[in-house]
Amino acid sequence: MTDYADLIKNTLTMEQVLRRYGLSSGQKNRIRCPLHHGTHLNFSYRHRSFRCYVCGANGTVIDFVMQFFGLSFIDAVKKL
């Protein structure tokens, strides 16, 4: 499972994952945080990672799916 997770983390970008789940990408890679339903552009993402400067959430594409859907690591990898 770890090899598959590494493949996902090295293949999918945050922008691809956000769009896949109906979240639009924002200007300068900032959007309202979908994890705590923020009202300001506190959620910043880079190619393979994200961070919310309000709720403190951060991590990889897998961490995002885990937090967004409330899934375990294995279930998030399967979902991706």
PDB file of N, CA and C in Angstrom:
ATOM      1  N   MET A   1       0.830  -1.202   0.000  1.00  0.00           N
ATOM      2  CA  MET A   1       0.000   0.000   0.000  1.00  0.00           C
ATOM      3  C   MET A   1       0.867   1.257   0.000  1.00  0.00           C
ATOM      4  N   THR A   2       2.020   1.194   0.665  1.00  0.00           N
ATOM      5  CA  THR A   2       2.899   2.358   0.737  1.00  0.00           C
ATOM      6  C   THR A   2       3.422   2.750  -0.637  1.00  0.00           C
ATOM      7  N   ASP A   3       3.770   1.767  -1.457  1.00  0.00           N
ATOM      8  CA  ASP A   3       4.251   2.059  -2.812  1.00  0.00           C
ATOM      9  C   ASP A   3       3.162   2.745  -3.631  1.00  0.00           C
ATOM     10  N   TYR A   4       1.939   2.284  -3.475  1.00  0.00           N
ATOM     11  CA  TYR A   4       0.821   2.873  -4.197  1.00  0.00           C
ATOM     12  C   TYR A   4       0.568   4.295  -3.706  1.00  0.00           C
ATOM     13  N   ALA A   5       0.661   4.502  -2.403  1.00  0.00           N
ATOM     14  CA  ALA A   5       0.482   5.837  -1.833  1.00  0.00           C
ATOM     15  C   ALA A   5       1.561   6.786  -2.344  1.00  0.00           C
ATOM     16  N   ASP A   6       2.796   6.318  -2.405  1.00  0.00           N
ATOM     17  CA  ASP A   6       3.882   7.144  -2.932  1.00  0.00           C
ATOM     18  C   ASP A   6       3.636   7.494  -4.392  1.00  0.00           C
ATOM     19  N   LEU A   7       3.145   6.547  -5.162  1.00  0.00           N
ATOM     20  CA  LEU A   7       2.824   6.801  -6.563  1.00  0.00           C
ATOM     21  C   LEU A   7       1.761   7.894  -6.677  1.00  0.00           C
ATOM     22  N   ILE A   8       0.728   7.822  -5.851  1.00  0.00           N
ATOM     23  CA  ILE A   8      -0.332   8.837  -5.852  1.00  0.00           C
ATOM     24  C   ILE A   8       0.246  10.205  -5.502  1.00  0.00           C
ATOM     25  N   LYS A   9       1.031  10.268  -4.425  1.00  0.00           N
ATOM     26  CA  LYS A   9       1.599  11.541  -3.991  1.00  0.00           C
ATOM     27  C   LYS A   9       2.532  12.140  -5.030  1.00  0.00           C
ATOM     28  N   ASN A  10       3.189  11.309  -5.816  1.00  0.00           N
ATOM     29  CA  ASN A  10       4.116  11.801  -6.825  1.00  0.00           C
ATOM     30  C   ASN A  10       3.470  12.050  -8.179  1.00  0.00           C
ATOM     31  N   THR A  11       2.215  11.634  -8.335  1.00  0.00           N
ATOM     32  CA  THR A  11       1.533  11.762  -9.620  1.00  0.00           C
ATOM     33  C   THR A  11       0.462  12.850  -9.603  1.00  0.00           C
ATOM     34  N   LEU A  12      -0.398  12.838  -8.596  1.00  0.00           N
ATOM     35  CA  LEU A  12      -1.508  13.792  -8.531  1.00  0.00           C
ATOM     36  C   LEU A  12      -1.070  15.106  -7.909  1.00  0.00           C
ATOM     37  N   THR A  13      -1.575  16.198  -8.457  1.00  0.00           N
ATOM     38  CA  THR A  13      -1.315  17.511  -7.866  1.00  0.00           C
ATOM     39  C   THR A  13      -2.507  17.930  -7.009  1.00  0.00           C
ATOM     40  N   MET A  14      -2.287  18.893  -6.144  1.00  0.00           N
ATOM     41  CA  MET A  14      -3.398  19.399  -5.325  1.00  0.00           C
ATOM     42  C   MET A  14      -4.474  20.001  -6.218  1.00  0.00           C
ATOM     43  N   GLU A  15      -4.075  20.697  -7.267  1.00  0.00           N
ATOM     44  CA  GLU A  15      -5.062  21.298  -8.154  1.00  0.00           C
ATOM     45  C   GLU A  15      -5.945  20.234  -8.798  1.00  0.00           C
ATOM     46  N   GLN A  16      -5.359  19.126  -9.223  1.00  0.00           N
ATOM     47  CA  GLN A  16      -6.138  18.031  -9.809  1.00  0.00           C
ATOM     48  C   GLN A  16      -7.115  17.459  -8.793  1.00  0.00           C
ATOM     49  N   VAL A  17      -6.666  17.265  -7.566  1.00  0.00           N
ATOM     50  CA  VAL A  17      -7.519  16.690  -6.521  1.00  0.00           C
ATOM     51  C   VAL A  17      -8.642  17.655  -6.163  1.00  0.00           C
ATOM     52  N   LEU A  18      -8.339  18.937  -6.029  1.00  0.00           N
ATOM     53  CA  LEU A  18      -9.384  19.916  -5.721  1.00  0.00           C
ATOM     54  C   LEU A  18     -10.454  19.924  -6.803  1.00  0.00           C
ATOM     55  N   ARG A  19     -10.034  19.954  -8.049  1.00  0.00           N
ATOM     56  CA  ARG A  19     -10.997  19.959  -9.158  1.00  0.00           C
ATOM     57  C   ARG A  19     -11.800  18.666  -9.211  1.00  0.00           C
ATOM     58  N   ARG A  20     -11.149  17.555  -8.927  1.00  0.00           N
ATOM     59  CA  ARG A  20     -11.837  16.258  -8.961  1.00  0.00           C
ATOM     60  C   ARG A  20     -13.019  16.224  -7.997  1.00  0.00           C
ATOM     61  N   TYR A  21     -12.864  16.909  -6.873  1.00  0.00           N
ATOM     62  CA  TYR A  21     -13.926  16.905  -5.863  1.00  0.00           C
ATOM     63  C   TYR A  21     -14.749  18.187  -5.871  1.00  0.00           C
ATOM     64  N   GLY A  22     -14.760  18.866  -7.025  1.00  0.00           N
ATOM     65  CA  GLY A  22     -15.657  19.994  -7.227  1.00  0.00           C
ATOM     66  C   GLY A  22     -15.229  21.295  -6.585  1.00  0.00           C
ATOM     67  N   LEU A  23     -13.974  21.425  -6.251  1.00  0.00           N
ATOM     68  CA  LEU A  23     -13.471  22.657  -5.646  1.00  0.00           C
ATOM     69  C   LEU A  23     -12.649  23.393  -6.684  1.00  0.00           C
ATOM     70  N   SER A  24     -12.996  24.635  -6.906  1.00  0.00           N
ATOM     71  CA  SER A  24     -12.277  25.380  -7.934  1.00  0.00           C
ATOM     72  C   SER A  24     -10.911  25.812  -7.412  1.00  0.00           C
ATOM     73  N   SER A  25      -9.964  25.865  -8.316  1.00  0.00           N
ATOM     74  CA  SER A  25      -8.650  26.354  -7.935  1.00  0.00           C
ATOM     75  C   SER A  25      -8.708  27.874  -7.928  1.00  0.00           C
ATOM     76  N   GLY A  26      -7.980  28.475  -7.042  1.00  0.00           N
ATOM     77  CA  GLY A  26      -8.059  29.913  -6.879  1.00  0.00           C
ATOM     78  C   GLY A  26      -6.869  30.650  -7.448  1.00  0.00           C
ATOM     79  N   GLN A  27      -6.989  31.955  -7.455  1.00  0.00           N
ATOM     80  CA  GLN A  27      -5.878  32.786  -7.894  1.00  0.00           C
ATOM     81  C   GLN A  27      -4.727  32.653  -6.913  1.00  0.00           C
ATOM     82  N   LYS A  28      -3.538  32.580  -7.429  1.00  0.00           N
ATOM     83  CA  LYS A  28      -2.325  32.464  -6.614  1.00  0.00           C
ATOM     84  C   LYS A  28      -2.386  31.274  -5.669  1.00  0.00           C
ATOM     85  N   ASN A  29      -3.115  30.229  -6.095  1.00  0.00           N
ATOM     86  CA  ASN A  29      -3.214  28.972  -5.334  1.00  0.00           C
ATOM     87  C   ASN A  29      -3.778  29.160  -3.930  1.00  0.00           C
ATOM     88  N   ARG A  30      -4.779  30.011  -3.801  1.00  0.00           N
ATOM     89  CA  ARG A  30      -5.448  30.212  -2.516  1.00  0.00           C
ATOM     90  C   ARG A  30      -6.961  30.141  -2.723  1.00  0.00           C
ATOM     91  N   ILE A  31      -7.619  29.398  -1.819  1.00  0.00           N
ATOM     92  CA  ILE A  31      -9.076  29.288  -1.858  1.00  0.00           C
ATOM     93  C   ILE A  31      -9.610  29.346  -0.420  1.00  0.00           C
ATOM     94  N   ARG A  32     -10.927  29.411  -0.296  1.00  0.00           N
ATOM     95  CA  ARG A  32     -11.548  29.279   1.027  1.00  0.00           C
ATOM     96  C   ARG A  32     -11.346  27.847   1.492  1.00  0.00           C
ATOM     97  N   CYS A  33     -11.035  27.674   2.750  1.00  0.00           N
ATOM     98  CA  CYS A  33     -10.726  26.338   3.243  1.00  0.00           C
ATOM     99  C   CYS A  33     -11.955  25.437   3.191  1.00  0.00           C
ATOM    100  N   PRO A  34     -11.882  24.360   2.405  1.00  0.00           N
ATOM    101  CA  PRO A  34     -13.009  23.430   2.327  1.00  0.00           C
ATOM    102  C   PRO A  34     -13.100  22.518   3.551  1.00  0.00           C
ATOM    103  N   LEU A  35     -12.077  22.512   4.379  1.00  0.00           N
ATOM    104  CA  LEU A  35     -12.076  21.633   5.541  1.00  0.00           C
ATOM    105  C   LEU A  35     -12.830  22.239   6.725  1.00  0.00           C
ATOM    106  N   HIS A  36     -12.748  23.558   6.883  1.00  0.00           N
ATOM    107  CA  HIS A  36     -13.503  24.193   7.965  1.00  0.00           C
ATOM    108  C   HIS A  36     -14.522  25.205   7.431  1.00  0.00           C
ATOM    109  N   HIS A  37     -14.751  25.151   6.116  1.00  0.00           N
ATOM    110  CA  HIS A  37     -15.724  26.016   5.441  1.00  0.00           C
ATOM    111  C   HIS A  37     -15.410  27.481   5.676  1.00  0.00           C
ATOM    112  N   GLY A  38     -14.158  27.835   5.477  1.00  0.00           N
ATOM    113  CA  GLY A  38     -13.697  29.208   5.689  1.00  0.00           C
ATOM    114  C   GLY A  38     -14.372  30.203   4.755  1.00  0.00           C
ATOM    115  N   THR A  39     -14.319  31.457   5.148  1.00  0.00           N
ATOM    116  CA  THR A  39     -14.923  32.519   4.346  1.00  0.00           C
ATOM    117  C   THR A  39     -13.870  33.388   3.675  1.00  0.00           C
ATOM    118  N   HIS A  40     -12.611  33.193   4.010  1.00  0.00           N
ATOM    119  CA  HIS A  40     -11.513  33.949   3.407  1.00  0.00           C
ATOM    120  C   HIS A  40     -10.549  32.984   2.720  1.00  0.00           C
ATOM    121  N   LEU A  41      -9.666  33.499   1.947  1.00  0.00           N
ATOM    122  CA  LEU A  41      -8.730  32.681   1.176  1.00  0.00           C
ATOM    123  C   LEU A  41      -7.550  32.235   2.047  1.00  0.00           C
ATOM    124  N   ASN A  42      -7.835  31.420   3.059  1.00  0.00           N
ATOM    125  CA  ASN A  42      -6.807  30.980   4.011  1.00  0.00           C
ATOM    126  C   ASN A  42      -6.149  29.667   3.603  1.00  0.00           C
ATOM    127  N   PHE A  43      -6.696  28.967   2.650  1.00  0.00           N
ATOM    128  CA  PHE A  43      -6.207  27.653   2.231  1.00  0.00           C
ATOM    129  C   PHE A  43      -5.253  27.865   1.070  1.00  0.00           C
ATOM    130  N   SER A  44      -4.005  27.529   1.297  1.00  0.00           N
ATOM    131  CA  SER A  44      -2.974  27.703   0.285  1.00  0.00           C
ATOM    132  C   SER A  44      -2.488  26.326  -0.159  1.00  0.00           C
ATOM    133  N   TYR A  45      -2.275  26.169  -1.452  1.00  0.00           N
ATOM    134  CA  TYR A  45      -1.778  24.885  -1.923  1.00  0.00           C
ATOM    135  C   TYR A  45      -0.647  25.090  -2.918  1.00  0.00           C
ATOM    136  N   ARG A  46       0.223  24.113  -2.909  1.00  0.00           N
ATOM    137  CA  ARG A  46       1.316  24.070  -3.869  1.00  0.00           C
ATOM    138  C   ARG A  46       1.103  22.844  -4.729  1.00  0.00           C
ATOM    139  N   HIS A  47       2.106  22.513  -5.470  1.00  0.00           N
ATOM    140  CA  HIS A  47       1.994  21.399  -6.405  1.00  0.00           C
ATOM    141  C   HIS A  47       1.519  20.115  -5.721  1.00  0.00           C
ATOM    142  N   ARG A  48       2.094  19.749  -4.598  1.00  0.00           N
ATOM    143  CA  ARG A  48       1.793  18.472  -3.945  1.00  0.00           C
ATOM    144  C   ARG A  48       1.395  18.602  -2.475  1.00  0.00           C
ATOM    145  N   SER A  49       1.154  19.821  -1.995  1.00  0.00           N
ATOM    146  CA  SER A  49       0.822  19.980  -0.576  1.00  0.00           C
ATOM    147  C   SER A  49      -0.159  21.129  -0.375  1.00  0.00           C
ATOM    148  N   PHE A  50      -0.693  21.211   0.849  1.00  0.00           N
ATOM    149  CA  PHE A  50      -1.637  22.271   1.197  1.00  0.00           C
ATOM    150  C   PHE A  50      -1.436  22.689   2.641  1.00  0.00           C
ATOM    151  N   ARG A  51      -1.977  23.863   2.976  1.00  0.00           N
ATOM    152  CA  ARG A  51      -1.969  24.356   4.354  1.00  0.00           C
ATOM    153  C   ARG A  51      -3.100  25.357   4.507  1.00  0.00           C
ATOM    154  N   CYS A  52      -3.823  25.262   5.624  1.00  0.00           N
ATOM    155  CA  CYS A  52      -4.809  26.280   5.984  1.00  0.00           C
ATOM    156  C   CYS A  52      -4.227  27.068   7.148  1.00  0.00           C
ATOM    157  N   TYR A  53      -4.185  28.365   6.992  1.00  0.00           N
ATOM    158  CA  TYR A  53      -3.588  29.217   8.016  1.00  0.00           C
ATOM    159  C   TYR A  53      -4.566  29.568   9.132  1.00  0.00           C
ATOM    160  N   VAL A  54      -5.775  29.041   9.076  1.00  0.00           N
ATOM    161  CA  VAL A  54      -6.742  29.259  10.158  1.00  0.00           C
ATOM    162  C   VAL A  54      -6.915  27.983  10.975  1.00  0.00           C
ATOM    163  N   CYS A  55      -7.303  26.888  10.327  1.00  0.00           N
ATOM    164  CA  CYS A  55      -7.565  25.657  11.080  1.00  0.00           C
ATOM    165  C   CYS A  55      -6.312  24.811  11.279  1.00  0.00           C
ATOM    166  N   GLY A  56      -5.224  25.151  10.579  1.00  0.00           N
ATOM    167  CA  GLY A  56      -3.962  24.446  10.771  1.00  0.00           C
ATOM    168  C   GLY A  56      -3.818  23.161   9.984  1.00  0.00           C
ATOM    169  N   ALA A  57      -4.800  22.804   9.189  1.00  0.00           N
ATOM    170  CA  ALA A  57      -4.712  21.583   8.383  1.00  0.00           C
ATOM    171  C   ALA A  57      -3.580  21.725   7.374  1.00  0.00           C
ATOM    172  N   ASN A  58      -2.863  20.628   7.146  1.00  0.00           N
ATOM    173  CA  ASN A  58      -1.793  20.652   6.157  1.00  0.00           C
ATOM    174  C   ASN A  58      -1.431  19.231   5.776  1.00  0.00           C
ATOM    175  N   GLY A  59      -0.709  19.090   4.678  1.00  0.00           N
ATOM    176  CA  GLY A  59      -0.257  17.767   4.267  1.00  0.00           C
ATOM    177  C   GLY A  59      -0.224  17.577   2.776  1.00  0.00           C
ATOM    178  N   THR A  60      -0.329  16.315   2.380  1.00  0.00           N
ATOM    179  CA  THR A  60      -0.266  15.902   0.979  1.00  0.00           C
ATOM    180  C   THR A  60      -1.667  15.738   0.405  1.00  0.00           C
ATOM    181  N   VAL A  61      -1.743  15.312  -0.839  1.00  0.00           N
ATOM    182  CA  VAL A  61      -3.054  15.058  -1.450  1.00  0.00           C
ATOM    183  C   VAL A  61      -3.814  13.976  -0.688  1.00  0.00           C
ATOM    184  N   ILE A  62      -3.108  12.992  -0.182  1.00  0.00           N
ATOM    185  CA  ILE A  62      -3.762  11.927   0.586  1.00  0.00           C
ATOM    186  C   ILE A  62      -4.294  12.478   1.904  1.00  0.00           C
ATOM    187  N   ASP A  63      -3.504  13.298   2.580  1.00  0.00           N
ATOM    188  CA  ASP A  63      -3.966  13.916   3.832  1.00  0.00           C
ATOM    189  C   ASP A  63      -5.211  14.759   3.588  1.00  0.00           C
ATOM    190  N   PHE A  64      -5.238  15.477   2.462  1.00  0.00           N
ATOM    191  CA  PHE A  64      -6.405  16.297   2.148  1.00  0.00           C
ATOM    192  C   PHE A  64      -7.652  15.439   2.023  1.00  0.00           C
ATOM    193  N   VAL A  65      -7.575  14.354   1.262  1.00  0.00           N
ATOM    194  CA  VAL A  65      -8.740  13.480   1.060  1.00  0.00           C
ATOM    195  C   VAL A  65      -9.153  12.835   2.382  1.00  0.00           C
ATOM    196  N   MET A  66      -8.195  12.472   3.209  1.00  0.00           N
ATOM    197  CA  MET A  66      -8.513  11.915   4.529  1.00  0.00           C
ATOM    198  C   MET A  66      -9.341  12.905   5.335  1.00  0.00           C
ATOM    199  N   GLN A  67      -8.899  14.163   5.368  1.00  0.00           N
ATOM    200  CA  GLN A  67      -9.573  15.180   6.172  1.00  0.00           C
ATOM    201  C   GLN A  67     -10.885  15.640   5.542  1.00  0.00           C
ATOM    202  N   PHE A  68     -10.911  15.791   4.233  1.00  0.00           N
ATOM    203  CA  PHE A  68     -12.103  16.282   3.544  1.00  0.00           C
ATOM    204  C   PHE A  68     -13.275  15.311   3.651  1.00  0.00           C
ATOM    205  N   PHE A  69     -12.969  14.014   3.554  1.00  0.00           N
ATOM    206  CA  PHE A  69     -14.022  13.001   3.598  1.00  0.00           C
ATOM    207  C   PHE A  69     -14.083  12.238   4.912  1.00  0.00           C
ATOM    208  N   GLY A  70     -13.174  12.506   5.847  1.00  0.00           N
ATOM    209  CA  GLY A  70     -13.154  11.793   7.119  1.00  0.00           C
ATOM    210  C   GLY A  70     -12.779  10.329   6.955  1.00  0.00           C
ATOM    211  N   LEU A  71     -11.793  10.059   6.118  1.00  0.00           N
ATOM    212  CA  LEU A  71     -11.410   8.688   5.799  1.00  0.00           C
ATOM    213  C   LEU A  71     -10.100   8.289   6.472  1.00  0.00           C
ATOM    214  N   SER A  72      -9.886   7.006   6.580  1.00  0.00           N
ATOM    215  CA  SER A  72      -8.596   6.485   7.024  1.00  0.00           C
ATOM    216  C   SER A  72      -7.604   6.625   5.871  1.00  0.00           C
ATOM    217  N   PHE A  73      -6.338   6.429   6.173  1.00  0.00           N
ATOM    218  CA  PHE A  73      -5.290   6.493   5.156  1.00  0.00           C
ATOM    219  C   PHE A  73      -5.582   5.533   4.005  1.00  0.00           C
ATOM    220  N   ILE A  74      -5.862   4.296   4.345  1.00  0.00           N
ATOM    221  CA  ILE A  74      -6.092   3.270   3.317  1.00  0.00           C
ATOM    222  C   ILE A  74      -7.320   3.617   2.470  1.00  0.00           C
ATOM    223  N   ASP A  75      -8.392   4.066   3.103  1.00  0.00           N
ATOM    224  CA  ASP A  75      -9.597   4.426   2.348  1.00  0.00           C
ATOM    225  C   ASP A  75      -9.354   5.643   1.464  1.00  0.00           C
ATOM    226  N   ALA A  76      -8.546   6.596   1.935  1.00  0.00           N
ATOM    227  CA  ALA A  76      -8.225   7.777   1.121  1.00  0.00           C
ATOM    228  C   ALA A  76      -7.401   7.376  -0.094  1.00  0.00           C
ATOM    229  N   VAL A  77      -6.447   6.474   0.086  1.00  0.00           N
ATOM    230  CA  VAL A  77      -5.652   5.987  -1.043  1.00  0.00           C
ATOM    231  C   VAL A  77      -6.550   5.279  -2.051  1.00  0.00           C
ATOM    232  N   LYS A  78      -7.466   4.479  -1.576  1.00  0.00           N
ATOM    233  CA  LYS A  78      -8.396   3.788  -2.478  1.00  0.00           C
ATOM    234  C   LYS A  78      -9.271   4.800  -3.233  1.00  0.00           C
ATOM    235  N   LYS A  79      -9.735   5.817  -2.531  1.00  0.00           N
ATOM    236  CA  LYS A  79     -10.601   6.821  -3.154  1.00  0.00           C
ATOM    237  C   LYS A  79      -9.850   7.568  -4.263  1.00  0.00           C
ATOM    238  N   LEU A  80      -8.583   7.866  -4.012  1.00  0.00           N
ATOM    239  CA  LEU A  80      -7.799   8.558  -5.036  1.00  0.00           C
ATOM    240  C   LEU A  80      -7.458   7.638  -6.180  1.00  0.00           C
TER     241      LEU A  80
END
